[in-house]
Amino acid sequence: MDLHEQLKDIKTQLRLSMNGAVSQSMREKGLVYHLNFGVELPRIKAIASGYAKDHALAQALWKEDIRECKILAGLLQPVDTFLPEIADIWVDDIRNIELAELTSMNLFQHLPYAPAKSFQWIADEREYPQVCGYQTLARLLMRGDALMDGRAANEFLDQAVSAFLSGPYHVRSASGAAIRRFMQQGEGNAFLVCRRVERLEASPVEAEQMLYNMVKDELDA
């Protein structure tokens, strides 16, 4: 099949799998897309399994303003042709937490330039670039693929602590996950984080108390 036929076939499969109740529930939870068929993730992955990874197909899917097409794009995009400037275009186009989480998991964490790009995104002032950056860093840390020296570790903690204390909910959640993964890399990292939050133990500020308790819980785990 040529690209046009592949897109037509994918959209047919999505329409046959559409679930109006799921779509409505997602809208009520704030996950807004121009078009959302409500197809559940296992079915989307099953559809993706019927196609080889292909740059042109993935790019065409991403340009469709359809939830399921954008998720499929992250599953079908080859890493070796996904240039950094294209990654920035995709991140600029992300408008909700579901797409940020899934694209970070399915694609961004596997990019050869993921560590550097993640640092760029967490320094962005916008919500979803930050979420993508922290989500990607958390997964790299979990795999041991984002080992940081002193300077990088301090830069990461400066950004992550600030994001946790002053960012919107999804940024706070993503930065908190990255901080926990950073602590799990070894006692040295855990010590660095503890030094950052020890003064917050008696803070009257709710966000500072939340950060202190999160770090304490991670140490006690």
N, C-alpha and C. Protein backbone atom coordinates (compact mmCIF):
# COMPACT_ATOMS: atom_id res chain seq x y z
N MET A 1 0.84 -1.20 0.00
CA MET A 1 0.00 0.00 0.00
C MET A 1 0.87 1.24 0.00
N ASP A 2 0.42 2.26 -0.73
CA ASP A 2 1.13 3.54 -0.68
C ASP A 2 0.67 4.30 0.57
N LEU A 3 1.26 5.46 0.79
CA LEU A 3 0.99 6.22 2.03
C LEU A 3 -0.48 6.57 2.16
N HIS A 4 -1.09 7.02 1.07
CA HIS A 4 -2.51 7.39 1.11
C HIS A 4 -3.36 6.19 1.51
N GLU A 5 -3.07 5.03 0.96
CA GLU A 5 -3.84 3.83 1.27
C GLU A 5 -3.62 3.39 2.71
N GLN A 6 -2.39 3.54 3.21
CA GLN A 6 -2.12 3.18 4.61
C GLN A 6 -2.92 4.07 5.56
N LEU A 7 -2.93 5.36 5.29
CA LEU A 7 -3.69 6.27 6.15
C LEU A 7 -5.18 5.94 6.11
N LYS A 8 -5.68 5.66 4.92
CA LYS A 8 -7.10 5.32 4.79
C LYS A 8 -7.42 4.04 5.55
N ASP A 9 -6.53 3.04 5.45
CA ASP A 9 -6.74 1.77 6.14
C ASP A 9 -6.71 1.97 7.65
N ILE A 10 -5.77 2.77 8.15
CA ILE A 10 -5.68 3.02 9.59
C ILE A 10 -6.93 3.72 10.10
N LYS A 11 -7.39 4.73 9.39
CA LYS A 11 -8.59 5.45 9.83
C LYS A 11 -9.82 4.55 9.82
N THR A 12 -9.89 3.64 8.85
CA THR A 12 -11.01 2.68 8.82
C THR A 12 -10.98 1.80 10.06
N GLN A 13 -9.80 1.29 10.41
CA GLN A 13 -9.66 0.45 11.60
C GLN A 13 -10.03 1.23 12.87
N LEU A 14 -9.64 2.49 12.92
CA LEU A 14 -9.96 3.31 14.09
C LEU A 14 -11.46 3.54 14.21
N ARG A 15 -12.11 3.81 13.10
CA ARG A 15 -13.56 4.04 13.15
C ARG A 15 -14.30 2.78 13.57
N LEU A 16 -13.82 1.63 13.13
CA LEU A 16 -14.45 0.36 13.51
C LEU A 16 -14.23 0.05 14.99
N SER A 17 -13.21 0.67 15.59
CA SER A 17 -12.90 0.41 17.00
C SER A 17 -13.32 1.54 17.91
N MET A 18 -14.02 2.52 17.38
CA MET A 18 -14.34 3.71 18.17
C MET A 18 -15.25 3.38 19.34
N ASN A 19 -15.07 4.15 20.41
CA ASN A 19 -15.83 3.96 21.64
C ASN A 19 -16.27 5.33 22.14
N GLY A 20 -17.52 5.67 21.90
CA GLY A 20 -18.03 7.00 22.25
C GLY A 20 -18.01 7.28 23.73
N ALA A 21 -18.27 6.25 24.54
CA ALA A 21 -18.28 6.45 25.99
C ALA A 21 -16.89 6.82 26.50
N VAL A 22 -15.87 6.15 25.98
CA VAL A 22 -14.50 6.46 26.39
C VAL A 22 -14.12 7.86 25.94
N SER A 23 -14.49 8.22 24.72
CA SER A 23 -14.19 9.55 24.20
C SER A 23 -14.83 10.63 25.07
N GLN A 24 -16.09 10.43 25.43
CA GLN A 24 -16.79 11.39 26.27
C GLN A 24 -16.14 11.50 27.64
N SER A 25 -15.77 10.37 28.22
CA SER A 25 -15.11 10.36 29.53
C SER A 25 -13.79 11.14 29.49
N MET A 26 -13.03 10.98 28.41
CA MET A 26 -11.76 11.69 28.28
C MET A 26 -11.98 13.19 28.18
N ARG A 27 -13.00 13.60 27.44
CA ARG A 27 -13.30 15.03 27.33
C ARG A 27 -13.65 15.60 28.70
N GLU A 28 -14.43 14.86 29.47
CA GLU A 28 -14.82 15.32 30.81
C GLU A 28 -13.61 15.45 31.73
N LYS A 29 -12.56 14.66 31.46
CA LYS A 29 -11.35 14.72 32.29
C LYS A 29 -10.34 15.73 31.76
N GLY A 30 -10.72 16.48 30.72
CA GLY A 30 -9.86 17.53 30.22
C GLY A 30 -8.91 17.12 29.11
N LEU A 31 -9.03 15.88 28.61
CA LEU A 31 -8.18 15.42 27.51
C LEU A 31 -8.86 15.78 26.19
N VAL A 32 -8.58 16.98 25.73
CA VAL A 32 -9.28 17.53 24.58
C VAL A 32 -8.46 17.34 23.30
N TYR A 33 -9.08 16.75 22.29
CA TYR A 33 -8.51 16.61 20.96
C TYR A 33 -9.52 17.14 19.96
N HIS A 34 -9.04 17.53 18.77
CA HIS A 34 -9.97 17.94 17.72
C HIS A 34 -10.91 16.80 17.37
N LEU A 35 -10.34 15.57 17.28
CA LEU A 35 -11.15 14.38 17.01
C LEU A 35 -10.60 13.23 17.84
N ASN A 36 -11.48 12.55 18.55
CA ASN A 36 -11.09 11.46 19.45
C ASN A 36 -12.07 10.31 19.26
N PHE A 37 -11.58 9.19 18.74
CA PHE A 37 -12.44 8.03 18.53
C PHE A 37 -12.65 7.23 19.81
N GLY A 38 -11.90 7.52 20.86
CA GLY A 38 -12.05 6.78 22.11
C GLY A 38 -11.51 5.36 22.03
N VAL A 39 -10.61 5.09 21.09
CA VAL A 39 -10.04 3.74 20.96
C VAL A 39 -9.07 3.49 22.12
N GLU A 40 -9.21 2.36 22.77
CA GLU A 40 -8.37 2.06 23.93
C GLU A 40 -6.95 1.70 23.50
N LEU A 41 -5.99 1.95 24.41
CA LEU A 41 -4.58 1.82 24.06
C LEU A 41 -4.18 0.43 23.56
N PRO A 42 -4.66 -0.68 24.16
CA PRO A 42 -4.27 -1.99 23.62
C PRO A 42 -4.67 -2.16 22.15
N ARG A 43 -5.82 -1.62 21.77
CA ARG A 43 -6.25 -1.72 20.38
C ARG A 43 -5.38 -0.86 19.48
N ILE A 44 -4.99 0.33 19.95
CA ILE A 44 -4.10 1.19 19.16
C ILE A 44 -2.77 0.48 18.92
N LYS A 45 -2.24 -0.16 19.96
CA LYS A 45 -0.97 -0.90 19.82
C LYS A 45 -1.14 -2.07 18.85
N ALA A 46 -2.30 -2.70 18.88
CA ALA A 46 -2.54 -3.82 17.96
C ALA A 46 -2.57 -3.33 16.52
N ILE A 47 -3.18 -2.17 16.29
CA ILE A 47 -3.19 -1.60 14.94
C ILE A 47 -1.76 -1.26 14.51
N ALA A 48 -0.98 -0.68 15.41
CA ALA A 48 0.41 -0.33 15.09
C ALA A 48 1.23 -1.55 14.72
N SER A 49 0.94 -2.68 15.35
CA SER A 49 1.72 -3.89 15.09
C SER A 49 1.55 -4.40 13.66
N GLY A 50 0.54 -3.93 12.97
CA GLY A 50 0.31 -4.35 11.59
C GLY A 50 1.11 -3.57 10.57
N TYR A 51 1.93 -2.63 11.04
CA TYR A 51 2.71 -1.78 10.13
C TYR A 51 4.17 -1.75 10.56
N ALA A 52 5.05 -1.68 9.61
CA ALA A 52 6.47 -1.48 9.91
C ALA A 52 6.68 -0.02 10.28
N LYS A 53 7.70 0.22 11.11
CA LYS A 53 8.05 1.61 11.43
C LYS A 53 8.42 2.33 10.14
N ASP A 54 7.86 3.51 9.95
CA ASP A 54 8.04 4.22 8.68
C ASP A 54 7.96 5.72 8.94
N HIS A 55 8.99 6.45 8.53
CA HIS A 55 9.06 7.88 8.82
C HIS A 55 7.92 8.65 8.15
N ALA A 56 7.69 8.41 6.88
CA ALA A 56 6.66 9.16 6.16
C ALA A 56 5.28 8.89 6.75
N LEU A 57 5.00 7.64 7.09
CA LEU A 57 3.70 7.30 7.67
C LEU A 57 3.53 7.97 9.04
N ALA A 58 4.57 7.90 9.86
CA ALA A 58 4.49 8.50 11.19
C ALA A 58 4.28 10.01 11.11
N GLN A 59 5.01 10.66 10.21
CA GLN A 59 4.86 12.10 10.07
C GLN A 59 3.46 12.47 9.58
N ALA A 60 2.93 11.68 8.66
CA ALA A 60 1.58 11.94 8.16
C ALA A 60 0.55 11.73 9.27
N LEU A 61 0.73 10.71 10.07
CA LEU A 61 -0.19 10.45 11.18
C LEU A 61 -0.16 11.58 12.19
N TRP A 62 1.05 12.08 12.49
CA TRP A 62 1.16 13.15 13.48
C TRP A 62 0.44 14.42 13.01
N LYS A 63 0.46 14.66 11.73
CA LYS A 63 -0.18 15.87 11.19
C LYS A 63 -1.70 15.79 11.25
N GLU A 64 -2.24 14.58 11.37
CA GLU A 64 -3.69 14.43 11.53
C GLU A 64 -4.07 14.90 12.94
N ASP A 65 -5.07 15.76 13.02
CA ASP A 65 -5.47 16.27 14.34
C ASP A 65 -6.46 15.30 14.98
N ILE A 66 -5.98 14.06 15.15
CA ILE A 66 -6.79 12.96 15.68
C ILE A 66 -5.99 12.27 16.77
N ARG A 67 -6.59 12.06 17.94
CA ARG A 67 -5.89 11.47 19.07
C ARG A 67 -5.16 10.19 18.70
N GLU A 68 -5.89 9.24 18.15
CA GLU A 68 -5.32 7.93 17.87
C GLU A 68 -4.20 7.98 16.84
N CYS A 69 -4.32 8.88 15.86
CA CYS A 69 -3.27 9.01 14.85
C CYS A 69 -1.97 9.52 15.47
N LYS A 70 -2.09 10.46 16.39
CA LYS A 70 -0.89 11.00 17.04
C LYS A 70 -0.23 9.94 17.92
N ILE A 71 -1.01 9.14 18.60
CA ILE A 71 -0.43 8.06 19.41
C ILE A 71 0.26 7.04 18.51
N LEU A 72 -0.39 6.69 17.42
CA LEU A 72 0.21 5.76 16.45
C LEU A 72 1.51 6.33 15.87
N ALA A 73 1.56 7.62 15.66
CA ALA A 73 2.77 8.24 15.11
C ALA A 73 3.97 7.97 16.01
N GLY A 74 3.78 8.10 17.33
CA GLY A 74 4.86 7.83 18.26
C GLY A 74 5.29 6.38 18.25
N LEU A 75 4.37 5.48 17.98
CA LEU A 75 4.68 4.05 17.93
C LEU A 75 5.38 3.66 16.63
N LEU A 76 5.12 4.38 15.55
CA LEU A 76 5.61 3.98 14.23
C LEU A 76 6.79 4.81 13.71
N GLN A 77 7.18 5.84 14.47
CA GLN A 77 8.29 6.68 14.02
C GLN A 77 9.64 6.00 14.28
N PRO A 78 10.46 5.79 13.23
CA PRO A 78 11.81 5.25 13.45
C PRO A 78 12.68 6.28 14.16
N VAL A 79 13.53 5.81 15.05
CA VAL A 79 14.38 6.70 15.83
C VAL A 79 15.44 7.36 14.95
N ASP A 80 15.99 6.62 14.01
CA ASP A 80 17.14 7.13 13.26
C ASP A 80 16.81 8.27 12.30
N THR A 81 15.55 8.45 11.95
CA THR A 81 15.17 9.55 11.06
C THR A 81 14.45 10.68 11.79
N PHE A 82 14.36 10.57 13.11
CA PHE A 82 13.63 11.56 13.89
C PHE A 82 14.63 12.61 14.39
N LEU A 83 14.87 13.62 13.58
CA LEU A 83 15.88 14.63 13.87
C LEU A 83 15.46 15.52 15.04
N PRO A 84 16.41 16.12 15.74
CA PRO A 84 16.08 16.97 16.90
C PRO A 84 15.09 18.08 16.58
N GLU A 85 15.20 18.67 15.40
CA GLU A 85 14.28 19.75 15.07
C GLU A 85 12.84 19.23 14.88
N ILE A 86 12.71 17.98 14.44
CA ILE A 86 11.37 17.39 14.33
C ILE A 86 10.82 17.11 15.72
N ALA A 87 11.68 16.66 16.62
CA ALA A 87 11.24 16.43 18.00
C ALA A 87 10.68 17.71 18.60
N ASP A 88 11.33 18.84 18.36
CA ASP A 88 10.83 20.11 18.89
C ASP A 88 9.48 20.48 18.28
N ILE A 89 9.30 20.19 17.00
CA ILE A 89 8.01 20.47 16.36
C ILE A 89 6.91 19.64 17.00
N TRP A 90 7.18 18.37 17.25
CA TRP A 90 6.18 17.51 17.88
C TRP A 90 5.86 18.00 19.29
N VAL A 91 6.88 18.32 20.07
CA VAL A 91 6.64 18.78 21.44
C VAL A 91 5.82 20.07 21.44
N ASP A 92 6.08 20.96 20.50
CA ASP A 92 5.31 22.19 20.40
C ASP A 92 3.83 21.91 20.13
N ASP A 93 3.54 20.75 19.56
CA ASP A 93 2.18 20.41 19.15
C ASP A 93 1.41 19.64 20.23
N ILE A 94 2.09 19.28 21.32
CA ILE A 94 1.45 18.49 22.38
C ILE A 94 0.66 19.40 23.30
N ARG A 95 -0.61 19.05 23.51
CA ARG A 95 -1.51 19.92 24.27
C ARG A 95 -2.18 19.24 25.46
N ASN A 96 -1.86 17.99 25.75
CA ASN A 96 -2.46 17.36 26.93
C ASN A 96 -1.53 16.31 27.51
N ILE A 97 -1.83 15.89 28.72
CA ILE A 97 -0.92 15.01 29.47
C ILE A 97 -0.85 13.62 28.87
N GLU A 98 -1.94 13.11 28.31
CA GLU A 98 -1.91 11.76 27.74
C GLU A 98 -0.90 11.68 26.60
N LEU A 99 -0.95 12.63 25.70
CA LEU A 99 -0.05 12.59 24.55
C LEU A 99 1.40 12.84 24.99
N ALA A 100 1.59 13.69 25.99
CA ALA A 100 2.94 13.92 26.51
C ALA A 100 3.53 12.64 27.09
N GLU A 101 2.75 11.94 27.89
CA GLU A 101 3.23 10.72 28.54
C GLU A 101 3.49 9.61 27.52
N LEU A 102 2.55 9.41 26.60
CA LEU A 102 2.69 8.31 25.65
C LEU A 102 3.81 8.54 24.65
N THR A 103 3.96 9.78 24.17
CA THR A 103 5.01 10.04 23.20
C THR A 103 6.38 9.98 23.86
N SER A 104 6.47 10.42 25.10
CA SER A 104 7.73 10.29 25.84
C SER A 104 8.10 8.82 26.03
N MET A 105 7.11 8.01 26.36
CA MET A 105 7.35 6.59 26.60
C MET A 105 7.66 5.84 25.31
N ASN A 106 6.87 6.09 24.27
CA ASN A 106 6.98 5.30 23.04
C ASN A 106 8.11 5.75 22.12
N LEU A 107 8.52 7.01 22.23
CA LEU A 107 9.49 7.54 21.27
C LEU A 107 10.63 8.32 21.92
N PHE A 108 10.30 9.37 22.66
CA PHE A 108 11.35 10.31 23.10
C PHE A 108 12.45 9.63 23.92
N GLN A 109 12.08 8.70 24.79
CA GLN A 109 13.11 8.08 25.64
C GLN A 109 14.12 7.25 24.84
N HIS A 110 13.78 6.88 23.63
CA HIS A 110 14.66 6.03 22.81
C HIS A 110 15.57 6.82 21.88
N LEU A 111 15.43 8.12 21.85
CA LEU A 111 16.23 8.94 20.94
C LEU A 111 17.68 9.02 21.42
N PRO A 112 18.64 8.96 20.51
CA PRO A 112 20.05 9.01 20.92
C PRO A 112 20.43 10.32 21.58
N TYR A 113 19.71 11.38 21.27
CA TYR A 113 19.98 12.69 21.85
C TYR A 113 19.00 13.03 22.97
N ALA A 114 18.31 12.03 23.52
CA ALA A 114 17.27 12.26 24.52
C ALA A 114 17.76 13.01 25.76
N PRO A 115 18.94 12.67 26.33
CA PRO A 115 19.37 13.41 27.53
C PRO A 115 19.51 14.90 27.30
N ALA A 116 20.20 15.29 26.23
CA ALA A 116 20.40 16.72 25.96
C ALA A 116 19.08 17.41 25.64
N LYS A 117 18.24 16.75 24.85
CA LYS A 117 16.96 17.35 24.48
C LYS A 117 16.06 17.50 25.70
N SER A 118 16.11 16.52 26.62
CA SER A 118 15.30 16.61 27.83
C SER A 118 15.68 17.83 28.67
N PHE A 119 16.98 18.09 28.78
CA PHE A 119 17.42 19.27 29.53
C PHE A 119 16.92 20.55 28.86
N GLN A 120 16.90 20.56 27.55
CA GLN A 120 16.38 21.72 26.83
C GLN A 120 14.90 21.91 27.14
N TRP A 121 14.14 20.82 27.13
CA TRP A 121 12.70 20.92 27.35
C TRP A 121 12.35 21.31 28.79
N ILE A 122 13.08 20.82 29.77
CA ILE A 122 12.72 21.17 31.15
C ILE A 122 13.03 22.65 31.44
N ALA A 123 13.88 23.26 30.63
CA ALA A 123 14.17 24.68 30.80
C ALA A 123 13.16 25.57 30.07
N ASP A 124 12.25 24.96 29.33
CA ASP A 124 11.22 25.72 28.61
C ASP A 124 10.22 26.29 29.61
N GLU A 125 9.62 27.42 29.29
CA GLU A 125 8.65 28.02 30.20
C GLU A 125 7.26 27.41 30.06
N ARG A 126 7.04 26.66 29.00
CA ARG A 126 5.70 26.11 28.75
C ARG A 126 5.51 24.78 29.46
N GLU A 127 4.23 24.47 29.74
CA GLU A 127 3.92 23.30 30.56
C GLU A 127 4.31 21.99 29.89
N TYR A 128 3.86 21.73 28.68
CA TYR A 128 4.03 20.39 28.13
C TYR A 128 5.43 20.09 27.63
N PRO A 129 6.21 21.06 27.14
CA PRO A 129 7.61 20.75 26.92
C PRO A 129 8.31 20.32 28.21
N GLN A 130 7.99 20.99 29.33
CA GLN A 130 8.56 20.58 30.60
C GLN A 130 8.13 19.17 30.97
N VAL A 131 6.85 18.88 30.81
CA VAL A 131 6.36 17.53 31.13
C VAL A 131 7.09 16.49 30.30
N CYS A 132 7.23 16.72 29.01
CA CYS A 132 7.95 15.77 28.14
C CYS A 132 9.39 15.61 28.60
N GLY A 133 10.04 16.72 28.97
CA GLY A 133 11.42 16.64 29.42
C GLY A 133 11.57 15.81 30.68
N TYR A 134 10.72 16.06 31.66
CA TYR A 134 10.82 15.31 32.92
C TYR A 134 10.39 13.85 32.74
N GLN A 135 9.35 13.62 31.95
CA GLN A 135 8.92 12.25 31.69
C GLN A 135 10.04 11.45 31.03
N THR A 136 10.70 12.07 30.05
CA THR A 136 11.78 11.39 29.34
C THR A 136 12.97 11.16 30.26
N LEU A 137 13.34 12.17 31.04
CA LEU A 137 14.46 12.00 31.98
C LEU A 137 14.18 10.91 33.00
N ALA A 138 12.96 10.85 33.50
CA ALA A 138 12.62 9.83 34.48
C ALA A 138 12.82 8.43 33.90
N ARG A 139 12.44 8.24 32.66
CA ARG A 139 12.61 6.93 32.02
C ARG A 139 14.08 6.64 31.73
N LEU A 140 14.83 7.65 31.35
CA LEU A 140 16.27 7.45 31.14
C LEU A 140 16.96 7.10 32.46
N LEU A 141 16.60 7.78 33.52
CA LEU A 141 17.18 7.48 34.84
C LEU A 141 16.81 6.08 35.30
N MET A 142 15.58 5.69 35.04
CA MET A 142 15.13 4.36 35.43
C MET A 142 15.95 3.27 34.73
N ARG A 143 16.36 3.53 33.47
CA ARG A 143 17.16 2.58 32.71
C ARG A 143 18.66 2.73 32.97
N GLY A 144 19.03 3.78 33.70
CA GLY A 144 20.45 4.03 33.92
C GLY A 144 21.12 4.69 32.73
N ASP A 145 20.34 5.35 31.87
CA ASP A 145 20.88 5.96 30.65
C ASP A 145 21.05 7.47 30.76
N ALA A 146 20.91 8.00 31.99
CA ALA A 146 21.05 9.45 32.16
C ALA A 146 21.92 9.73 33.38
N LEU A 147 23.07 9.06 33.45
CA LEU A 147 23.98 9.29 34.56
C LEU A 147 24.54 10.70 34.46
N MET A 148 24.49 11.45 35.56
CA MET A 148 24.87 12.86 35.53
C MET A 148 26.08 13.11 36.41
N ASP A 149 27.00 13.94 35.89
CA ASP A 149 28.13 14.36 36.72
C ASP A 149 27.67 15.51 37.62
N GLY A 150 28.61 16.09 38.38
CA GLY A 150 28.23 17.10 39.36
C GLY A 150 27.50 18.28 38.77
N ARG A 151 28.00 18.82 37.68
CA ARG A 151 27.38 20.00 37.07
C ARG A 151 25.99 19.69 36.53
N ALA A 152 25.88 18.56 35.80
CA ALA A 152 24.58 18.19 35.23
C ALA A 152 23.58 17.86 36.35
N ALA A 153 24.06 17.20 37.40
CA ALA A 153 23.18 16.85 38.51
C ALA A 153 22.64 18.11 39.19
N ASN A 154 23.51 19.09 39.39
CA ASN A 154 23.07 20.33 40.03
C ASN A 154 22.10 21.10 39.13
N GLU A 155 22.37 21.10 37.83
CA GLU A 155 21.46 21.77 36.90
C GLU A 155 20.09 21.09 36.91
N PHE A 156 20.12 19.76 36.89
CA PHE A 156 18.85 19.02 36.93
C PHE A 156 18.07 19.34 38.21
N LEU A 157 18.75 19.31 39.36
CA LEU A 157 18.05 19.54 40.62
C LEU A 157 17.55 20.98 40.73
N ASP A 158 18.33 21.94 40.23
CA ASP A 158 17.85 23.33 40.22
C ASP A 158 16.52 23.43 39.49
N GLN A 159 16.46 22.82 38.30
CA GLN A 159 15.25 22.90 37.48
C GLN A 159 14.11 22.10 38.10
N ALA A 160 14.42 20.87 38.53
CA ALA A 160 13.36 19.97 39.01
C ALA A 160 12.75 20.46 40.31
N VAL A 161 13.57 20.93 41.23
CA VAL A 161 13.03 21.43 42.50
C VAL A 161 12.17 22.66 42.26
N SER A 162 12.66 23.58 41.42
CA SER A 162 11.88 24.77 41.10
C SER A 162 10.56 24.40 40.43
N ALA A 163 10.59 23.44 39.52
CA ALA A 163 9.37 23.00 38.83
C ALA A 163 8.38 22.39 39.81
N PHE A 164 8.90 21.58 40.74
CA PHE A 164 8.01 20.95 41.72
C PHE A 164 7.35 21.99 42.62
N LEU A 165 8.10 23.01 43.00
CA LEU A 165 7.59 23.99 43.95
C LEU A 165 6.66 25.02 43.32
N SER A 166 6.85 25.31 42.03
CA SER A 166 6.09 26.41 41.45
C SER A 166 5.36 26.06 40.16
N GLY A 167 5.55 24.86 39.64
CA GLY A 167 4.94 24.50 38.37
C GLY A 167 3.49 24.06 38.51
N PRO A 168 2.75 23.99 37.39
CA PRO A 168 1.39 23.45 37.42
C PRO A 168 1.40 21.96 37.75
N TYR A 169 0.22 21.41 37.97
CA TYR A 169 0.11 20.05 38.51
C TYR A 169 0.90 19.02 37.71
N HIS A 170 0.74 18.99 36.39
CA HIS A 170 1.39 17.95 35.60
C HIS A 170 2.91 18.11 35.59
N VAL A 171 3.39 19.34 35.63
CA VAL A 171 4.83 19.57 35.72
C VAL A 171 5.34 19.11 37.07
N ARG A 172 4.59 19.42 38.13
CA ARG A 172 4.99 18.98 39.47
C ARG A 172 5.06 17.45 39.55
N SER A 173 4.07 16.79 38.99
CA SER A 173 4.06 15.33 39.01
C SER A 173 5.23 14.74 38.24
N ALA A 174 5.49 15.28 37.05
CA ALA A 174 6.58 14.75 36.21
C ALA A 174 7.94 15.04 36.83
N SER A 175 8.14 16.24 37.36
CA SER A 175 9.42 16.56 37.98
C SER A 175 9.64 15.74 39.25
N GLY A 176 8.56 15.49 39.99
CA GLY A 176 8.68 14.65 41.18
C GLY A 176 9.11 13.24 40.83
N ALA A 177 8.56 12.69 39.75
CA ALA A 177 8.95 11.35 39.31
C ALA A 177 10.41 11.32 38.92
N ALA A 178 10.87 12.37 38.25
CA ALA A 178 12.28 12.43 37.85
C ALA A 178 13.20 12.54 39.06
N ILE A 179 12.80 13.33 40.05
CA ILE A 179 13.61 13.44 41.28
C ILE A 179 13.72 12.10 41.98
N ARG A 180 12.62 11.36 42.06
CA ARG A 180 12.66 10.04 42.71
C ARG A 180 13.59 9.09 41.95
N ARG A 181 13.50 9.10 40.62
CA ARG A 181 14.39 8.23 39.83
C ARG A 181 15.85 8.64 40.00
N PHE A 182 16.10 9.94 40.10
CA PHE A 182 17.46 10.42 40.32
C PHE A 182 17.99 9.89 41.66
N MET A 183 17.17 9.93 42.69
CA MET A 183 17.58 9.44 44.01
C MET A 183 17.90 7.95 43.98
N GLN A 184 17.20 7.22 43.15
CA GLN A 184 17.38 5.77 43.09
C GLN A 184 18.68 5.35 42.41
N GLN A 185 19.41 6.31 41.83
CA GLN A 185 20.65 5.98 41.14
C GLN A 185 21.81 5.74 42.10
N GLY A 186 21.64 6.08 43.37
CA GLY A 186 22.72 5.82 44.32
C GLY A 186 22.68 6.75 45.51
N GLU A 187 23.46 6.42 46.53
CA GLU A 187 23.45 7.20 47.76
C GLU A 187 23.91 8.63 47.54
N GLY A 188 24.86 8.82 46.62
CA GLY A 188 25.34 10.17 46.35
C GLY A 188 24.24 11.07 45.84
N ASN A 189 23.42 10.56 44.92
CA ASN A 189 22.30 11.34 44.40
C ASN A 189 21.27 11.61 45.49
N ALA A 190 20.97 10.59 46.28
CA ALA A 190 20.00 10.75 47.36
C ALA A 190 20.48 11.83 48.34
N PHE A 191 21.78 11.85 48.62
CA PHE A 191 22.34 12.84 49.52
C PHE A 191 22.18 14.25 48.96
N LEU A 192 22.44 14.41 47.64
CA LEU A 192 22.28 15.72 47.02
C LEU A 192 20.85 16.24 47.16
N VAL A 193 19.89 15.35 46.96
CA VAL A 193 18.49 15.77 47.07
C VAL A 193 18.15 16.12 48.51
N CYS A 194 18.63 15.31 49.43
CA CYS A 194 18.35 15.59 50.85
C CYS A 194 18.89 16.95 51.27
N ARG A 195 20.08 17.29 50.79
CA ARG A 195 20.65 18.59 51.12
C ARG A 195 19.77 19.72 50.58
N ARG A 196 19.10 19.47 49.46
CA ARG A 196 18.25 20.50 48.87
C ARG A 196 16.97 20.73 49.67
N VAL A 197 16.49 19.69 50.33
CA VAL A 197 15.16 19.80 50.95
C VAL A 197 15.19 19.81 52.47
N GLU A 198 16.33 19.62 53.10
CA GLU A 198 16.37 19.49 54.55
C GLU A 198 15.81 20.72 55.26
N ARG A 199 15.99 21.89 54.68
CA ARG A 199 15.51 23.13 55.30
C ARG A 199 14.00 23.27 55.23
N LEU A 200 13.35 22.39 54.44
CA LEU A 200 11.91 22.51 54.22
C LEU A 200 11.09 21.73 55.24
N GLU A 201 11.74 21.05 56.16
CA GLU A 201 11.02 20.15 57.08
C GLU A 201 9.91 20.88 57.84
N ALA A 202 10.17 22.08 58.28
CA ALA A 202 9.18 22.81 59.07
C ALA A 202 8.52 23.94 58.28
N SER A 203 8.63 23.89 56.94
CA SER A 203 8.08 24.96 56.12
C SER A 203 6.55 25.01 56.20
N PRO A 204 5.97 26.23 56.28
CA PRO A 204 4.52 26.35 56.26
C PRO A 204 3.94 26.33 54.85
N VAL A 205 4.81 26.30 53.85
CA VAL A 205 4.36 26.31 52.45
C VAL A 205 4.01 24.89 52.03
N GLU A 206 2.81 24.70 51.52
CA GLU A 206 2.32 23.35 51.20
C GLU A 206 3.21 22.63 50.20
N ALA A 207 3.59 23.31 49.13
CA ALA A 207 4.41 22.67 48.10
C ALA A 207 5.76 22.24 48.66
N GLU A 208 6.34 23.04 49.53
CA GLU A 208 7.62 22.69 50.12
C GLU A 208 7.48 21.49 51.06
N GLN A 209 6.39 21.44 51.79
CA GLN A 209 6.13 20.27 52.64
C GLN A 209 5.93 19.02 51.80
N MET A 210 5.23 19.15 50.68
CA MET A 210 5.01 18.01 49.79
C MET A 210 6.34 17.48 49.26
N LEU A 211 7.23 18.39 48.86
CA LEU A 211 8.52 17.96 48.35
C LEU A 211 9.33 17.26 49.44
N TYR A 212 9.35 17.84 50.62
CA TYR A 212 10.10 17.23 51.74
C TYR A 212 9.57 15.83 52.04
N ASN A 213 8.26 15.70 52.11
CA ASN A 213 7.66 14.40 52.43
C ASN A 213 7.88 13.38 51.32
N MET A 214 7.87 13.84 50.05
CA MET A 214 8.14 12.92 48.95
C MET A 214 9.55 12.35 49.05
N VAL A 215 10.51 13.23 49.33
CA VAL A 215 11.91 12.78 49.46
C VAL A 215 12.06 11.85 50.65
N LYS A 216 11.43 12.19 51.76
CA LYS A 216 11.50 11.34 52.96
C LYS A 216 10.91 9.96 52.69
N ASP A 217 9.76 9.95 52.02
CA ASP A 217 9.13 8.67 51.69
C ASP A 217 10.02 7.82 50.77
N GLU A 218 10.69 8.47 49.83
CA GLU A 218 11.59 7.74 48.92
C GLU A 218 12.76 7.16 49.70
N LEU A 219 13.29 7.90 50.66
CA LEU A 219 14.39 7.38 51.48
C LEU A 219 13.94 6.21 52.35
N ASP A 220 12.72 6.26 52.83
CA ASP A 220 12.21 5.22 53.72
C ASP A 220 11.72 3.98 52.97
N ALA A 221 11.58 4.10 51.65
CA ALA A 221 11.02 2.98 50.86
C ALA A 221 11.98 1.77 50.85
